[in-house]
Structures are given as structure tokens and as C-alpha cells.
């Protein structure tokens, strides 16, 4: 049997000193890790097969109200469709946001399984069953925490909604409340997308 001096034992088996580890704040912790769009059965919604948007760490988006904004240092710039009620531009940046950023910040998501970049705008599309006018459901929409951002004259049973708070995170988080409204057939958050860009896992 071998005996070691206590000092020698500590020298051999003590862990080396390391620099203090500081965990970075999750800037977007109020956003869900995954957003489900579509369902075969959930809530009685008659939609296509579910797809998921997964939150992508290490990147963020800045939303600008000026459509012609040029964002220096952005790896991607996305424009909303001309039909959109807000006309926001989003620029995607690598890294973490800092306090000096001007504009509304949001995380970015990737569409699964192909990994296309997607940025939430804060708008949610809702479609009721044929013959159910959106205006007749305004009270239920308001109770769910939303307001009608734009009615669609060519489709009176559908509309664009925004969270009453105006917050993008609230617009996403409350989708389950909208799904609970009777006779809802489709709900989708609006995502700005550039299908040509895929980010590494």
C-alpha cells in the first residue's frame, strides 16, 4: 500500500484555477424557443401539417420603420411585402445586441427542417371559417390580447392582428389564446424570410 503526503495529494488532484465564467444574458428569453405553425388536430384547426420555427441563438434582428434603411454590418436585410400593414424592414446581425441599438429588436428563427432564416414582425394572420366575419369576432380577439391591424376587404373572414401591447413577443406568446376562439381555421405569425440564406447549426 502506498501513502502520499496530503500536500502532494492536493497538488495532483486539485482542479486548475480557471477564469470566472459569466453567463451571457438571454436577451430574448420572453420569446418561445419554438413556434408551431399548422396542425393536423390541435384545437380543431384544419391546417396543413405542422412546421416549426426554432429560435436561433447568436443572431438578432433590428426592425426599422423606414423601408429604405441600409443597415451597416448586417448579414441579411429583409423587406415586408407591399401588402403588409406595417412596411417594416428587418436587418439580421451576428452576435448579441447592445444598448445602443436603434429600433425594435427581436430574435431570429429558422424554419425547420430546411433552416431558412425567419424574422417575426409582430403581426399574426387569422382566418375564420367561411361565413364568419372577422368584425363579428372583434370582442373575442380583444379578449385574447389582440387588435385588428388590417381587415381584408376581399376576404372578410380573415385579417392581420397585432398584440394590444404592440410587443412582438406578446404577439407570438398569445397565439394559443387565438387558437381557442371558436371557428378559427388558420393562425400564422408573419415572418420575413430569405429562403436563400441558411445559418449553420
Protein backbone atom coordinates (compact mmCIF):
# COMPACT_ATOMS: atom_id res chain seq x y z
CA UNK A 1 0.00 0.00 0.00
CA UNK A 2 1.28 3.47 -0.87
CA UNK A 3 0.86 6.57 1.25
CA UNK A 4 1.02 10.10 -0.11
CA UNK A 5 1.63 13.28 1.77
CA UNK A 6 -1.51 15.40 1.95
CA UNK A 7 0.25 18.29 0.19
CA UNK A 8 1.25 16.07 -2.72
CA UNK A 9 -2.29 14.65 -2.98
CA UNK A 10 -3.77 18.16 -3.26
CA UNK A 11 -1.22 19.17 -5.87
CA UNK A 12 -2.01 16.17 -8.03
CA UNK A 13 -5.79 16.10 -7.71
CA UNK A 14 -6.85 19.73 -7.33
CA UNK A 15 -8.55 21.26 -10.35
CA UNK A 16 -6.58 24.02 -12.04
CA UNK A 17 -7.72 27.56 -11.43
CA UNK A 18 -9.85 28.93 -14.23
CA UNK A 19 -11.14 32.37 -15.06
CA UNK A 20 -14.55 33.23 -13.68
CA UNK A 21 -17.28 32.10 -16.05
CA UNK A 22 -20.01 34.66 -16.72
CA UNK A 23 -23.14 33.51 -18.45
CA UNK A 24 -24.48 35.91 -21.04
CA UNK A 25 -27.99 37.18 -20.52
CA UNK A 26 -30.56 35.69 -22.87
CA UNK A 27 -31.79 38.91 -24.48
CA UNK A 28 -34.84 37.18 -25.90
CA UNK A 29 -35.92 34.91 -23.04
CA UNK A 30 -39.52 36.16 -23.37
CA UNK A 31 -39.70 34.59 -26.84
CA UNK A 32 -40.53 30.89 -27.22
CA UNK A 33 -37.79 28.51 -28.33
CA UNK A 34 -40.16 27.04 -30.92
CA UNK A 35 -43.18 28.38 -32.77
CA UNK A 36 -45.58 25.81 -34.20
CA UNK A 37 -47.49 26.73 -37.33
CA UNK A 38 -50.25 24.47 -38.58
CA UNK A 39 -51.75 21.40 -37.01
CA UNK A 40 -53.48 18.24 -38.01
CA UNK A 41 -55.62 18.05 -34.91
CA UNK A 42 -54.73 20.56 -32.20
CA UNK A 43 -57.58 22.84 -31.25
CA UNK A 44 -59.68 21.60 -34.15
CA UNK A 45 -57.76 23.81 -36.59
CA UNK A 46 -57.92 22.49 -40.13
CA UNK A 47 -54.42 23.22 -41.36
CA UNK A 48 -51.60 21.65 -43.26
CA UNK A 49 -49.04 19.50 -41.46
CA UNK A 50 -47.27 21.34 -38.64
CA UNK A 51 -43.98 23.10 -39.23
CA UNK A 52 -41.75 24.70 -36.64
CA UNK A 53 -39.69 27.83 -36.37
CA UNK A 54 -36.78 27.37 -33.95
CA UNK A 55 -35.13 30.32 -32.22
CA UNK A 56 -31.51 30.72 -33.37
CA UNK A 57 -29.02 31.97 -30.77
CA UNK A 58 -26.05 34.09 -31.79
CA UNK A 59 -28.06 36.36 -34.10
CA UNK A 60 -30.62 39.12 -33.70
CA UNK A 61 -32.79 41.34 -35.86
CA UNK A 62 -33.32 45.09 -35.77
CA UNK A 63 -36.66 46.33 -37.13
CA UNK A 64 -36.73 49.73 -38.83
CA UNK A 65 -39.77 51.78 -39.82
CA UNK A 66 -38.05 53.25 -42.86
CA UNK A 67 -38.28 50.88 -45.87
CA UNK A 68 -35.10 52.27 -47.48
CA UNK A 69 -32.89 51.89 -44.40
CA UNK A 70 -29.44 50.48 -45.15
CA UNK A 71 -28.09 48.60 -42.12
CA UNK A 72 -24.29 48.61 -41.94
CA UNK A 73 -22.82 45.30 -40.76
CA UNK A 74 -25.99 43.29 -41.36
CA UNK A 75 -25.61 39.82 -42.87
CA UNK A 76 -29.15 39.99 -44.29
CA UNK A 77 -31.79 42.65 -44.88
CA UNK A 78 -35.45 41.72 -45.26
CA UNK A 79 -38.38 43.80 -46.52
CA UNK A 80 -42.03 43.17 -45.83
CA UNK A 81 -44.39 42.54 -48.69
CA UNK A 82 -46.01 45.70 -50.05
CA UNK A 83 -49.38 44.31 -48.92
CA UNK A 84 -48.26 44.28 -45.29
CA UNK A 85 -49.89 46.85 -42.98
CA UNK A 86 -46.62 47.91 -41.31
CA UNK A 87 -43.95 48.24 -44.01
CA UNK A 88 -41.12 47.37 -41.61
CA UNK A 89 -37.61 46.41 -42.70
CA UNK A 90 -35.56 43.99 -40.61
CA UNK A 91 -31.79 43.56 -40.69
CA UNK A 92 -30.12 40.45 -39.26
CA UNK A 93 -26.84 40.78 -37.36
CA UNK A 94 -24.49 38.20 -35.83
CA UNK A 95 -23.71 38.32 -32.10
CA UNK A 96 -25.67 39.86 -29.25
CA UNK A 97 -27.44 43.23 -29.34
CA UNK A 98 -26.14 46.14 -27.32
CA UNK A 99 -27.83 49.03 -25.57
CA UNK A 100 -27.03 51.50 -28.36
CA UNK A 101 -29.14 49.69 -30.97
CA UNK A 102 -31.79 51.92 -32.53
CA UNK A 103 -35.08 50.29 -33.48
CA UNK A 104 -37.11 47.33 -32.24
CA UNK A 105 -35.09 44.18 -31.52
CA UNK A 106 -36.18 40.58 -31.94
CA UNK A 107 -34.57 37.17 -32.17
CA UNK A 108 -34.39 35.31 -35.44
CA UNK A 109 -35.80 31.87 -36.11
CA UNK A 110 -35.03 29.17 -38.62
CA UNK A 111 -37.75 27.26 -40.40
CA UNK A 112 -37.47 23.53 -39.79
CA UNK A 113 -36.35 21.34 -41.40
CA UNK A 114 -34.67 23.43 -44.13
CA UNK A 115 -33.10 26.10 -41.89
CA UNK A 116 -34.32 29.18 -43.79
CA UNK A 117 -33.95 32.41 -41.79
CA UNK A 118 -37.21 33.90 -40.46
CA UNK A 119 -37.80 37.12 -38.51
CA UNK A 120 -41.13 37.69 -36.68
CA UNK A 121 -42.81 41.03 -37.46
CA UNK A 122 -45.36 41.14 -34.63
CA UNK A 123 -48.30 40.57 -36.98
CA UNK A 124 -50.48 37.45 -36.85
CA UNK A 125 -52.75 36.29 -39.65
CA UNK A 126 -56.10 34.87 -38.55
CA UNK A 127 -58.70 33.18 -40.71
CA UNK A 128 -62.13 32.08 -39.54
CA UNK A 129 -64.45 29.57 -41.16
CA UNK A 130 -66.19 30.72 -44.33
CA UNK A 131 -69.12 32.96 -43.45
CA UNK A 132 -67.66 34.09 -40.08
CA UNK A 133 -66.86 37.79 -40.43
CA UNK A 134 -63.77 38.96 -38.53
CA UNK A 135 -65.65 42.03 -37.30
CA UNK A 136 -68.15 39.76 -35.54
CA UNK A 137 -65.22 38.28 -33.60
CA UNK A 138 -63.58 41.57 -32.59
CA UNK A 139 -64.54 41.19 -28.92
CA UNK A 140 -63.10 37.66 -28.72
CA UNK A 141 -59.92 38.87 -30.45
CA UNK A 142 -59.60 41.73 -27.96
CA UNK A 143 -60.11 39.35 -25.01
CA UNK A 144 -57.22 37.26 -26.37
CA UNK A 145 -54.98 40.34 -26.14
CA UNK A 146 -55.00 41.37 -29.82
CA UNK A 147 -56.46 44.06 -32.04
CA UNK A 148 -57.21 44.12 -35.73
CA UNK A 149 -54.31 45.76 -37.57
CA UNK A 150 -55.80 45.37 -41.05
CA UNK A 151 -59.07 43.94 -42.31
CA UNK A 152 -59.05 42.31 -45.73
CA UNK A 153 -61.96 43.53 -47.86
CA UNK A 154 -61.52 40.68 -50.34
CA UNK A 155 -61.63 38.11 -47.52
CA UNK A 156 -63.89 39.36 -44.70
CA UNK A 157 -63.29 36.20 -42.65
CA UNK A 158 -59.52 36.92 -42.38
CA UNK A 159 -57.38 39.77 -41.00
CA UNK A 160 -53.96 40.78 -39.75
CA UNK A 161 -53.75 41.17 -35.97
CA UNK A 162 -51.20 42.71 -33.61
CA UNK A 163 -50.82 42.37 -29.84
CA UNK A 164 -52.55 45.20 -27.96
CA UNK A 165 -49.22 45.89 -26.25
CA UNK A 166 -47.52 46.35 -29.64
CA UNK A 167 -44.84 43.91 -28.47
CA UNK A 168 -43.60 41.26 -30.92
CA UNK A 169 -43.05 38.74 -28.11
CA UNK A 170 -46.65 39.17 -26.91
CA UNK A 171 -47.94 38.64 -30.44
CA UNK A 172 -46.20 35.26 -30.58
CA UNK A 173 -46.89 34.20 -27.00
CA UNK A 174 -50.65 34.74 -27.30
CA UNK A 175 -51.22 32.57 -30.36
CA UNK A 176 -52.69 29.77 -28.23
CA UNK A 177 -55.32 32.26 -26.97
CA UNK A 178 -56.34 32.93 -30.57
CA UNK A 179 -56.48 29.21 -31.33
CA UNK A 180 -59.05 28.83 -28.54
CA UNK A 181 -61.54 31.16 -30.29
CA UNK A 182 -64.36 29.10 -31.87
CA UNK A 183 -64.41 28.67 -35.66
CA UNK A 184 -60.78 29.71 -36.17
CA UNK A 185 -59.33 27.77 -39.08
CA UNK A 186 -55.86 29.21 -39.52
CA UNK A 187 -53.39 31.28 -37.48
CA UNK A 188 -49.87 32.14 -38.57
CA UNK A 189 -47.35 34.68 -37.33
CA UNK A 190 -45.98 36.82 -40.15
CA UNK A 191 -42.32 36.03 -40.77
CA UNK A 192 -39.92 37.92 -43.00
CA UNK A 193 -37.92 35.29 -44.86
CA UNK A 194 -35.00 34.99 -47.21
CA UNK A 195 -35.03 31.42 -48.38
CA UNK A 196 -31.56 31.68 -49.88
CA UNK A 197 -29.79 32.13 -46.52
CA UNK A 198 -29.31 29.26 -44.12
CA UNK A 199 -27.31 29.58 -40.93
CA UNK A 200 -25.08 26.86 -39.52
CA UNK A 201 -26.46 24.79 -36.69
